[in-house]
Amino acid sequence: MEQKKSFKLPSYMRNIYFIAILAFVVWICFLDRYNLIAQYELSAEQRKMETQKSFYLTEIEKNQQEKEDLLSDQEKREKFAREKYYMKKDSEDLYIIVPEKKDN
């Protein structure tokens, strides 16, 4: 006589607690609103924002130092106005030289 070999699940896989824990893990890892993929994307966004924060903090410090320099020194203020805003005295002529762009 030929016997049919049937596939049997191991006893621990038939246990209701194992099935419940497995379902819970699958739910948390893949189906939940805050699953692993979403958590990874959120952490990547957080890292990006922290680097932006450090950049902007250094820019703020640099701008505050420049502001203090301009408010404290008349010569620096005059130099800043001439370079950035092309201001001049009434007795001066101002020539702005713009380099030509090379077309490739």
PDB file of N, CA and C in Angstrom:
ATOM      1  N   MET A   1       0.820  -1.185   0.000  1.00  0.00           N
ATOM      2  CA  MET A   1       0.000   0.000   0.000  1.00  0.00           C
ATOM      3  C   MET A   1       0.861   1.245   0.000  1.00  0.00           C
ATOM      4  N   GLU A   2       0.387   2.164  -0.753  1.00  0.00           N
ATOM      5  CA  GLU A   2       1.089   3.434  -0.843  1.00  0.00           C
ATOM      6  C   GLU A   2       0.508   4.412   0.150  1.00  0.00           C
ATOM      7  N   GLN A   3       1.365   5.049   0.881  1.00  0.00           N
ATOM      8  CA  GLN A   3       0.887   6.063   1.807  1.00  0.00           C
ATOM      9  C   GLN A   3       1.167   7.442   1.216  1.00  0.00           C
ATOM     10  N   LYS A   4       0.185   8.310   1.405  1.00  0.00           N
ATOM     11  CA  LYS A   4       0.364   9.679   0.949  1.00  0.00           C
ATOM     12  C   LYS A   4       1.067  10.460   2.050  1.00  0.00           C
ATOM     13  N   LYS A   5       2.050  11.210   1.638  1.00  0.00           N
ATOM     14  CA  LYS A   5       2.735  12.053   2.607  1.00  0.00           C
ATOM     15  C   LYS A   5       2.030  13.402   2.622  1.00  0.00           C
ATOM     16  N   SER A   6       1.482  13.737   3.733  1.00  0.00           N
ATOM     17  CA  SER A   6       0.804  15.020   3.858  1.00  0.00           C
ATOM     18  C   SER A   6       1.708  15.999   4.597  1.00  0.00           C
ATOM     19  N   PHE A   7       1.563  17.202   4.231  1.00  0.00           N
ATOM     20  CA  PHE A   7       2.354  18.256   4.846  1.00  0.00           C
ATOM     21  C   PHE A   7       1.724  18.642   6.170  1.00  0.00           C
ATOM     22  N   LYS A   8       2.519  18.584   7.229  1.00  0.00           N
ATOM     23  CA  LYS A   8       2.031  18.951   8.546  1.00  0.00           C
ATOM     24  C   LYS A   8       2.812  20.152   9.045  1.00  0.00           C
ATOM     25  N   LEU A   9       2.097  21.077   9.635  1.00  0.00           N
ATOM     26  CA  LEU A   9       2.749  22.220  10.258  1.00  0.00           C
ATOM     27  C   LEU A   9       3.367  21.776  11.579  1.00  0.00           C
ATOM     28  N   PRO A  10       4.498  22.338  11.908  1.00  0.00           N
ATOM     29  CA  PRO A  10       5.069  22.022  13.224  1.00  0.00           C
ATOM     30  C   PRO A  10       4.104  22.477  14.324  1.00  0.00           C
ATOM     31  N   SER A  11       4.223  21.886  15.455  1.00  0.00           N
ATOM     32  CA  SER A  11       3.270  22.142  16.537  1.00  0.00           C
ATOM     33  C   SER A  11       3.326  23.587  17.022  1.00  0.00           C
ATOM     34  N   TYR A  12       4.525  24.198  16.985  1.00  0.00           N
ATOM     35  CA  TYR A  12       4.597  25.571  17.465  1.00  0.00           C
ATOM     36  C   TYR A  12       3.891  26.542  16.513  1.00  0.00           C
ATOM     37  N   MET A  13       3.763  26.179  15.223  1.00  0.00           N
ATOM     38  CA  MET A  13       3.067  27.041  14.272  1.00  0.00           C
ATOM     39  C   MET A  13       1.552  26.904  14.390  1.00  0.00           C
ATOM     40  N   ARG A  14       1.102  25.882  15.032  1.00  0.00           N
ATOM     41  CA  ARG A  14      -0.333  25.713  15.249  1.00  0.00           C
ATOM     42  C   ARG A  14      -0.777  26.356  16.556  1.00  0.00           C
ATOM     43  N   ASN A  15       0.172  26.829  17.305  1.00  0.00           N
ATOM     44  CA  ASN A  15      -0.129  27.461  18.581  1.00  0.00           C
ATOM     45  C   ASN A  15      -0.759  28.833  18.339  1.00  0.00           C
ATOM     46  N   ILE A  16      -1.832  29.152  19.036  1.00  0.00           N
ATOM     47  CA  ILE A  16      -2.559  30.401  18.840  1.00  0.00           C
ATOM     48  C   ILE A  16      -1.714  31.610  19.224  1.00  0.00           C
ATOM     49  N   TYR A  17      -0.835  31.489  20.207  1.00  0.00           N
ATOM     50  CA  TYR A  17       0.011  32.595  20.621  1.00  0.00           C
ATOM     51  C   TYR A  17       1.051  32.916  19.554  1.00  0.00           C
ATOM     52  N   PHE A  18       1.600  31.879  18.946  1.00  0.00           N
ATOM     53  CA  PHE A  18       2.561  32.095  17.864  1.00  0.00           C
ATOM     54  C   PHE A  18       1.898  32.822  16.702  1.00  0.00           C
ATOM     55  N   ILE A  19       0.709  32.418  16.347  1.00  0.00           N
ATOM     56  CA  ILE A  19      -0.022  33.043  15.239  1.00  0.00           C
ATOM     57  C   ILE A  19      -0.344  34.492  15.583  1.00  0.00           C
ATOM     58  N   ALA A  20      -0.754  34.740  16.814  1.00  0.00           N
ATOM     59  CA  ALA A  20      -1.082  36.106  17.226  1.00  0.00           C
ATOM     60  C   ALA A  20       0.154  37.002  17.195  1.00  0.00           C
ATOM     61  N   ILE A  21       1.273  36.487  17.696  1.00  0.00           N
ATOM     62  CA  ILE A  21       2.510  37.279  17.693  1.00  0.00           C
ATOM     63  C   ILE A  21       2.985  37.525  16.268  1.00  0.00           C
ATOM     64  N   LEU A  22       2.902  36.531  15.422  1.00  0.00           N
ATOM     65  CA  LEU A  22       3.294  36.678  14.027  1.00  0.00           C
ATOM     66  C   LEU A  22       2.424  37.718  13.324  1.00  0.00           C
ATOM     67  N   ALA A  23       1.117  37.646  13.557  1.00  0.00           N
ATOM     68  CA  ALA A  23       0.204  38.631  12.952  1.00  0.00           C
ATOM     69  C   ALA A  23       0.543  40.042  13.456  1.00  0.00           C
ATOM     70  N   PHE A  24       0.846  40.180  14.739  1.00  0.00           N
ATOM     71  CA  PHE A  24       1.194  41.468  15.308  1.00  0.00           C
ATOM     72  C   PHE A  24       2.465  42.035  14.669  1.00  0.00           C
ATOM     73  N   VAL A  25       3.486  41.193  14.509  1.00  0.00           N
ATOM     74  CA  VAL A  25       4.743  41.633  13.909  1.00  0.00           C
ATOM     75  C   VAL A  25       4.535  42.056  12.461  1.00  0.00           C
ATOM     76  N   VAL A  26       3.772  41.290  11.715  1.00  0.00           N
ATOM     77  CA  VAL A  26       3.484  41.650  10.320  1.00  0.00           C
ATOM     78  C   VAL A  26       2.728  42.975  10.274  1.00  0.00           C
ATOM     79  N   TRP A  27       1.775  43.138  11.154  1.00  0.00           N
ATOM     80  CA  TRP A  27       0.983  44.369  11.182  1.00  0.00           C
ATOM     81  C   TRP A  27       1.879  45.579  11.487  1.00  0.00           C
ATOM     82  N   ILE A  28       2.711  45.467  12.499  1.00  0.00           N
ATOM     83  CA  ILE A  28       3.573  46.583  12.895  1.00  0.00           C
ATOM     84  C   ILE A  28       4.611  46.891  11.814  1.00  0.00           C
ATOM     85  N   CYS A  29       5.178  45.889  11.209  1.00  0.00           N
ATOM     86  CA  CYS A  29       6.255  46.100  10.236  1.00  0.00           C
ATOM     87  C   CYS A  29       5.773  46.600   8.879  1.00  0.00           C
ATOM     88  N   PHE A  30       4.604  46.189   8.459  1.00  0.00           N
ATOM     89  CA  PHE A  30       4.219  46.478   7.078  1.00  0.00           C
ATOM     90  C   PHE A  30       2.874  47.184   6.917  1.00  0.00           C
ATOM     91  N   LEU A  31       1.909  46.938   7.761  1.00  0.00           N
ATOM     92  CA  LEU A  31       0.563  47.413   7.511  1.00  0.00           C
ATOM     93  C   LEU A  31       0.165  48.647   8.309  1.00  0.00           C
ATOM     94  N   ASP A  32       0.855  48.930   9.390  1.00  0.00           N
ATOM     95  CA  ASP A  32       0.496  50.039  10.257  1.00  0.00           C
ATOM     96  C   ASP A  32       0.825  51.373   9.602  1.00  0.00           C
ATOM     97  N   ARG A  33       0.187  52.431  10.068  1.00  0.00           N
ATOM     98  CA  ARG A  33       0.434  53.769   9.550  1.00  0.00           C
ATOM     99  C   ARG A  33       1.887  54.175   9.777  1.00  0.00           C
ATOM    100  N   TYR A  34       2.452  53.795  10.876  1.00  0.00           N
ATOM    101  CA  TYR A  34       3.830  54.121  11.220  1.00  0.00           C
ATOM    102  C   TYR A  34       4.717  52.884  11.064  1.00  0.00           C
ATOM    103  N   ASN A  35       4.687  52.281   9.891  1.00  0.00           N
ATOM    104  CA  ASN A  35       5.458  51.064   9.656  1.00  0.00           C
ATOM    105  C   ASN A  35       6.944  51.376   9.515  1.00  0.00           C
ATOM    106  N   LEU A  36       7.735  50.363   9.267  1.00  0.00           N
ATOM    107  CA  LEU A  36       9.186  50.539   9.204  1.00  0.00           C
ATOM    108  C   LEU A  36       9.621  51.473   8.077  1.00  0.00           C
ATOM    109  N   ILE A  37       8.964  51.391   6.947  1.00  0.00           N
ATOM    110  CA  ILE A  37       9.316  52.252   5.814  1.00  0.00           C
ATOM    111  C   ILE A  37       9.034  53.708   6.148  1.00  0.00           C
ATOM    112  N   ALA A  38       7.883  53.975   6.747  1.00  0.00           N
ATOM    113  CA  ALA A  38       7.550  55.345   7.137  1.00  0.00           C
ATOM    114  C   ALA A  38       8.516  55.870   8.190  1.00  0.00           C
ATOM    115  N   GLN A  39       8.917  55.017   9.122  1.00  0.00           N
ATOM    116  CA  GLN A  39       9.868  55.435  10.151  1.00  0.00           C
ATOM    117  C   GLN A  39      11.224  55.779   9.533  1.00  0.00           C
ATOM    118  N   TYR A  40      11.648  55.006   8.550  1.00  0.00           N
ATOM    119  CA  TYR A  40      12.915  55.287   7.880  1.00  0.00           C
ATOM    120  C   TYR A  40      12.842  56.622   7.137  1.00  0.00           C
ATOM    121  N   GLU A  41      11.751  56.864   6.431  1.00  0.00           N
ATOM    122  CA  GLU A  41      11.593  58.122   5.705  1.00  0.00           C
ATOM    123  C   GLU A  41      11.553  59.311   6.659  1.00  0.00           C
ATOM    124  N   LEU A  42      10.884  59.147   7.793  1.00  0.00           N
ATOM    125  CA  LEU A  42      10.825  60.229   8.770  1.00  0.00           C
ATOM    126  C   LEU A  42      12.201  60.514   9.366  1.00  0.00           C
ATOM    127  N   SER A  43      12.972  59.487   9.641  1.00  0.00           N
ATOM    128  CA  SER A  43      14.310  59.708  10.199  1.00  0.00           C
ATOM    129  C   SER A  43      15.229  60.364   9.161  1.00  0.00           C
ATOM    130  N   ALA A  44      15.074  60.003   7.892  1.00  0.00           N
ATOM    131  CA  ALA A  44      15.872  60.641   6.838  1.00  0.00           C
ATOM    132  C   ALA A  44      15.501  62.124   6.725  1.00  0.00           C
ATOM    133  N   GLU A  45      14.232  62.427   6.806  1.00  0.00           N
ATOM    134  CA  GLU A  45      13.777  63.817   6.765  1.00  0.00           C
ATOM    135  C   GLU A  45      14.309  64.594   7.974  1.00  0.00           C
ATOM    136  N   GLN A  46      14.327  63.955   9.128  1.00  0.00           N
ATOM    137  CA  GLN A  46      14.842  64.602  10.332  1.00  0.00           C
ATOM    138  C   GLN A  46      16.334  64.910  10.194  1.00  0.00           C
ATOM    139  N   ARG A  47      17.110  63.964   9.670  1.00  0.00           N
ATOM    140  CA  ARG A  47      18.540  64.202   9.463  1.00  0.00           C
ATOM    141  C   ARG A  47      18.764  65.365   8.500  1.00  0.00           C
ATOM    142  N   LYS A  48      17.972  65.405   7.438  1.00  0.00           N
ATOM    143  CA  LYS A  48      18.083  66.487   6.459  1.00  0.00           C
ATOM    144  C   LYS A  48      17.783  67.830   7.104  1.00  0.00           C
ATOM    145  N   MET A  49      16.744  67.881   7.921  1.00  0.00           N
ATOM    146  CA  MET A  49      16.380  69.134   8.580  1.00  0.00           C
ATOM    147  C   MET A  49      17.414  69.559   9.612  1.00  0.00           C
ATOM    148  N   GLU A  50      18.042  68.611  10.276  1.00  0.00           N
ATOM    149  CA  GLU A  50      19.082  68.959  11.239  1.00  0.00           C
ATOM    150  C   GLU A  50      20.300  69.553  10.551  1.00  0.00           C
ATOM    151  N   THR A  51      20.656  69.034   9.377  1.00  0.00           N
ATOM    152  CA  THR A  51      21.777  69.627   8.641  1.00  0.00           C
ATOM    153  C   THR A  51      21.412  71.029   8.161  1.00  0.00           C
ATOM    154  N   GLN A  52      20.162  71.219   7.724  1.00  0.00           N
ATOM    155  CA  GLN A  52      19.723  72.554   7.330  1.00  0.00           C
ATOM    156  C   GLN A  52      19.748  73.504   8.520  1.00  0.00           C
ATOM    157  N   LYS A  53      19.352  73.004   9.671  1.00  0.00           N
ATOM    158  CA  LYS A  53      19.343  73.825  10.879  1.00  0.00           C
ATOM    159  C   LYS A  53      20.746  74.301  11.208  1.00  0.00           C
ATOM    160  N   SER A  54      21.722  73.401  11.148  1.00  0.00           N
ATOM    161  CA  SER A  54      23.094  73.797  11.450  1.00  0.00           C
ATOM    162  C   SER A  54      23.612  74.814  10.425  1.00  0.00           C
ATOM    163  N   PHE A  55      23.254  74.633   9.152  1.00  0.00           N
ATOM    164  CA  PHE A  55      23.653  75.601   8.122  1.00  0.00           C
ATOM    165  C   PHE A  55      23.068  76.970   8.419  1.00  0.00           C
ATOM    166  N   TYR A  56      21.780  77.024   8.723  1.00  0.00           N
ATOM    167  CA  TYR A  56      21.140  78.308   8.971  1.00  0.00           C
ATOM    168  C   TYR A  56      21.640  78.963  10.256  1.00  0.00           C
ATOM    169  N   LEU A  57      21.986  78.173  11.257  1.00  0.00           N
ATOM    170  CA  LEU A  57      22.542  78.758  12.478  1.00  0.00           C
ATOM    171  C   LEU A  57      23.895  79.406  12.210  1.00  0.00           C
ATOM    172  N   THR A  58      24.725  78.775  11.398  1.00  0.00           N
ATOM    173  CA  THR A  58      26.017  79.383  11.059  1.00  0.00           C
ATOM    174  C   THR A  58      25.819  80.640  10.214  1.00  0.00           C
ATOM    175  N   GLU A  59      24.846  80.614   9.315  1.00  0.00           N
ATOM    176  CA  GLU A  59      24.547  81.804   8.513  1.00  0.00           C
ATOM    177  C   GLU A  59      24.050  82.946   9.387  1.00  0.00           C
ATOM    178  N   ILE A  60      23.235  82.638  10.375  1.00  0.00           N
ATOM    179  CA  ILE A  60      22.730  83.667  11.287  1.00  0.00           C
ATOM    180  C   ILE A  60      23.885  84.279  12.071  1.00  0.00           C
ATOM    181  N   GLU A  61      24.792  83.448  12.560  1.00  0.00           N
ATOM    182  CA  GLU A  61      25.954  83.961  13.282  1.00  0.00           C
ATOM    183  C   GLU A  61      26.804  84.865  12.397  1.00  0.00           C
ATOM    184  N   LYS A  62      27.022  84.430  11.163  1.00  0.00           N
ATOM    185  CA  LYS A  62      27.824  85.216  10.231  1.00  0.00           C
ATOM    186  C   LYS A  62      27.156  86.562   9.950  1.00  0.00           C
ATOM    187  N   ASN A  63      25.850  86.552   9.725  1.00  0.00           N
ATOM    188  CA  ASN A  63      25.129  87.787   9.446  1.00  0.00           C
ATOM    189  C   ASN A  63      25.083  88.711  10.653  1.00  0.00           C
ATOM    190  N   GLN A  64      24.963  88.162  11.846  1.00  0.00           N
ATOM    191  CA  GLN A  64      24.980  88.989  13.044  1.00  0.00           C
ATOM    192  C   GLN A  64      26.342  89.652  13.234  1.00  0.00           C
ATOM    193  N   GLN A  65      27.401  88.919  12.964  1.00  0.00           N
ATOM    194  CA  GLN A  65      28.747  89.497  13.064  1.00  0.00           C
ATOM    195  C   GLN A  65      28.919  90.611  12.043  1.00  0.00           C
ATOM    196  N   GLU A  66      28.443  90.387  10.833  1.00  0.00           N
ATOM    197  CA  GLU A  66      28.535  91.409   9.792  1.00  0.00           C
ATOM    198  C   GLU A  66      27.720  92.641  10.179  1.00  0.00           C
ATOM    199  N   LYS A  67      26.563  92.423  10.759  1.00  0.00           N
ATOM    200  CA  LYS A  67      25.718  93.536  11.206  1.00  0.00           C
ATOM    201  C   LYS A  67      26.413  94.354  12.289  1.00  0.00           C
ATOM    202  N   GLU A  68      27.028  93.664  13.257  1.00  0.00           N
ATOM    203  CA  GLU A  68      27.755  94.367  14.311  1.00  0.00           C
ATOM    204  C   GLU A  68      28.917  95.169  13.731  1.00  0.00           C
ATOM    205  N   ASP A  69      29.626  94.598  12.768  1.00  0.00           N
ATOM    206  CA  ASP A  69      30.728  95.311  12.135  1.00  0.00           C
ATOM    207  C   ASP A  69      30.234  96.559  11.411  1.00  0.00           C
ATOM    208  N   LEU A  70      29.128  96.434  10.698  1.00  0.00           N
ATOM    209  CA  LEU A  70      28.600  97.574   9.949  1.00  0.00           C
ATOM    210  C   LEU A  70      28.080  98.671  10.870  1.00  0.00           C
ATOM    211  N   LEU A  71      27.467  98.281  11.960  1.00  0.00           N
ATOM    212  CA  LEU A  71      26.924  99.289  12.877  1.00  0.00           C
ATOM    213  C   LEU A  71      28.008  99.984  13.692  1.00  0.00           C
ATOM    214  N   SER A  72      29.149  99.342  13.858  1.00  0.00           N
ATOM    215  CA  SER A  72      30.192  99.913  14.709  1.00  0.00           C
ATOM    216  C   SER A  72      31.231 100.727  13.940  1.00  0.00           C
ATOM    217  N   ASP A  73      31.433 100.476  12.673  1.00  0.00           N
ATOM    218  CA  ASP A  73      32.523 101.115  11.935  1.00  0.00           C
ATOM    219  C   ASP A  73      31.980 101.837  10.703  1.00  0.00           C
ATOM    220  N   GLN A  74      32.233 103.146  10.625  1.00  0.00           N
ATOM    221  CA  GLN A  74      31.747 103.961   9.509  1.00  0.00           C
ATOM    222  C   GLN A  74      32.405 103.548   8.192  1.00  0.00           C
ATOM    223  N   GLU A  75      33.696 103.242   8.218  1.00  0.00           N
ATOM    224  CA  GLU A  75      34.403 102.874   6.988  1.00  0.00           C
ATOM    225  C   GLU A  75      33.869 101.565   6.407  1.00  0.00           C
ATOM    226  N   LYS A  76      33.597 100.601   7.263  1.00  0.00           N
ATOM    227  CA  LYS A  76      33.041  99.326   6.780  1.00  0.00           C
ATOM    228  C   LYS A  76      31.642  99.525   6.217  1.00  0.00           C
ATOM    229  N   ARG A  77      30.870 100.403   6.845  1.00  0.00           N
ATOM    230  CA  ARG A  77      29.520 100.690   6.356  1.00  0.00           C
ATOM    231  C   ARG A  77      29.584 101.312   4.969  1.00  0.00           C
ATOM    232  N   GLU A  78      30.509 102.249   4.783  1.00  0.00           N
ATOM    233  CA  GLU A  78      30.662 102.904   3.488  1.00  0.00           C
ATOM    234  C   GLU A  78      31.123 101.902   2.429  1.00  0.00           C
ATOM    235  N   LYS A  79      32.076 101.051   2.783  1.00  0.00           N
ATOM    236  CA  LYS A  79      32.565 100.025   1.852  1.00  0.00           C
ATOM    237  C   LYS A  79      31.440  99.072   1.461  1.00  0.00           C
ATOM    238  N   PHE A  80      30.638  98.654   2.441  1.00  0.00           N
ATOM    239  CA  PHE A  80      29.510  97.758   2.180  1.00  0.00           C
ATOM    240  C   PHE A  80      28.514  98.412   1.214  1.00  0.00           C
ATOM    241  N   ALA A  81      28.186  99.684   1.456  1.00  0.00           N
ATOM    242  CA  ALA A  81      27.227 100.384   0.597  1.00  0.00           C
ATOM    243  C   ALA A  81      27.761 100.525  -0.824  1.00  0.00           C
ATOM    244  N   ARG A  82      29.039 100.797  -0.938  1.00  0.00           N
ATOM    245  CA  ARG A  82      29.628 100.935  -2.274  1.00  0.00           C
ATOM    246  C   ARG A  82      29.655  99.594  -3.021  1.00  0.00           C
ATOM    247  N   GLU A  83      30.016  98.515  -2.333  1.00  0.00           N
ATOM    248  CA  GLU A  83      30.147  97.218  -3.004  1.00  0.00           C
ATOM    249  C   GLU A  83      28.811  96.567  -3.295  1.00  0.00           C
ATOM    250  N   LYS A  84      27.910  96.620  -2.354  1.00  0.00           N
ATOM    251  CA  LYS A  84      26.647  95.891  -2.518  1.00  0.00           C
ATOM    252  C   LYS A  84      25.589  96.685  -3.281  1.00  0.00           C
ATOM    253  N   TYR A  85      25.521  97.982  -3.029  1.00  0.00           N
ATOM    254  CA  TYR A  85      24.432  98.789  -3.597  1.00  0.00           C
ATOM    255  C   TYR A  85      24.921  99.840  -4.587  1.00  0.00           C
ATOM    256  N   TYR A  86      26.198  99.823  -4.918  1.00  0.00           N
ATOM    257  CA  TYR A  86      26.800 100.721  -5.896  1.00  0.00           C
ATOM    258  C   TYR A  86      26.513 102.192  -5.572  1.00  0.00           C
ATOM    259  N   MET A  87      26.543 102.543  -4.299  1.00  0.00           N
ATOM    260  CA  MET A  87      26.344 103.929  -3.895  1.00  0.00           C
ATOM    261  C   MET A  87      27.631 104.709  -4.117  1.00  0.00           C
ATOM    262  N   LYS A  88      27.465 106.022  -4.292  1.00  0.00           N
ATOM    263  CA  LYS A  88      28.629 106.869  -4.538  1.00  0.00           C
ATOM    264  C   LYS A  88      28.383 108.235  -3.921  1.00  0.00           C
ATOM    265  N   LYS A  89      29.460 108.975  -3.815  1.00  0.00           N
ATOM    266  CA  LYS A  89      29.351 110.352  -3.350  1.00  0.00           C
ATOM    267  C   LYS A  89      28.928 111.218  -4.526  1.00  0.00           C
ATOM    268  N   ASP A  90      28.435 112.422  -4.233  1.00  0.00           N
ATOM    269  CA  ASP A  90      27.970 113.315  -5.309  1.00  0.00           C
ATOM    270  C   ASP A  90      29.104 113.718  -6.243  1.00  0.00           C
ATOM    271  N   SER A  91      30.306 113.800  -5.743  1.00  0.00           N
ATOM    272  CA  SER A  91      31.422 114.269  -6.561  1.00  0.00           C
ATOM    273  C   SER A  91      32.123 113.125  -7.301  1.00  0.00           C
ATOM    274  N   GLU A  92      31.591 111.928  -7.256  1.00  0.00           N
ATOM    275  CA  GLU A  92      32.245 110.784  -7.879  1.00  0.00           C
ATOM    276  C   GLU A  92      31.426 110.280  -9.073  1.00  0.00           C
ATOM    277  N   ASP A  93      32.119 109.614  -9.965  1.00  0.00           N
ATOM    278  CA  ASP A  93      31.470 108.887 -11.056  1.00  0.00           C
ATOM    279  C   ASP A  93      31.654 107.405 -10.792  1.00  0.00           C
ATOM    280  N   LEU A  94      30.640 106.645 -11.141  1.00  0.00           N
ATOM    281  CA  LEU A  94      30.682 105.209 -10.880  1.00  0.00           C
ATOM    282  C   LEU A  94      30.638 104.463 -12.209  1.00  0.00           C
ATOM    283  N   TYR A  95      31.595 103.587 -12.416  1.00  0.00           N
ATOM    284  CA  TYR A  95      31.659 102.751 -13.610  1.00  0.00           C
ATOM    285  C   TYR A  95      31.551 101.293 -13.180  1.00  0.00           C
ATOM    286  N   ILE A  96      30.584 100.608 -13.740  1.00  0.00           N
ATOM    287  CA  ILE A  96      30.399  99.193 -13.430  1.00  0.00           C
ATOM    288  C   ILE A  96      30.849  98.392 -14.637  1.00  0.00           C
ATOM    289  N   ILE A  97      31.809  97.539 -14.434  1.00  0.00           N
ATOM    290  CA  ILE A  97      32.355  96.722 -15.515  1.00  0.00           C
ATOM    291  C   ILE A  97      31.789  95.309 -15.341  1.00  0.00           C
ATOM    292  N   VAL A  98      31.064  94.874 -16.352  1.00  0.00           N
ATOM    293  CA  VAL A  98      30.452  93.544 -16.324  1.00  0.00           C
ATOM    294  C   VAL A  98      31.212  92.673 -17.309  1.00  0.00           C
ATOM    295  N   PRO A  99      31.793  91.566 -16.848  1.00  0.00           N
ATOM    296  CA  PRO A  99      32.527  90.690 -17.774  1.00  0.00           C
ATOM    297  C   PRO A  99      31.567  90.020 -18.762  1.00  0.00           C
ATOM    298  N   GLU A 100      32.064  89.808 -19.952  1.00  0.00           N
ATOM    299  CA  GLU A 100      31.243  89.134 -20.973  1.00  0.00           C
ATOM    300  C   GLU A 100      31.140  87.654 -20.655  1.00  0.00           C
ATOM    301  N   LYS A 101      29.994  87.107 -20.967  1.00  0.00           N
ATOM    302  CA  LYS A 101      29.802  85.665 -20.787  1.00  0.00           C
ATOM    303  C   LYS A 101      30.260  84.954 -22.039  1.00  0.00           C
ATOM    304  N   LYS A 102      31.003  83.891 -21.831  1.00  0.00           N
ATOM    305  CA  LYS A 102      31.462  83.106 -22.967  1.00  0.00           C
ATOM    306  C   LYS A 102      30.391  82.095 -23.336  1.00  0.00           C
ATOM    307  N   ASP A 103      29.992  82.105 -24.593  1.00  0.00           N
ATOM    308  CA  ASP A 103      29.018  81.119 -25.075  1.00  0.00           C
ATOM    309  C   ASP A 103      29.754  79.899 -25.576  1.00  0.00           C
ATOM    310  N   ASN A 104      29.422  78.785 -25.026  1.00  0.00           N
ATOM    311  CA  ASN A 104      30.072  77.534 -25.446  1.00  0.00           C
ATOM    312  C   ASN A 104      29.240  76.818 -26.455  1.00  0.00           C
TER     313      ASN A 104
END
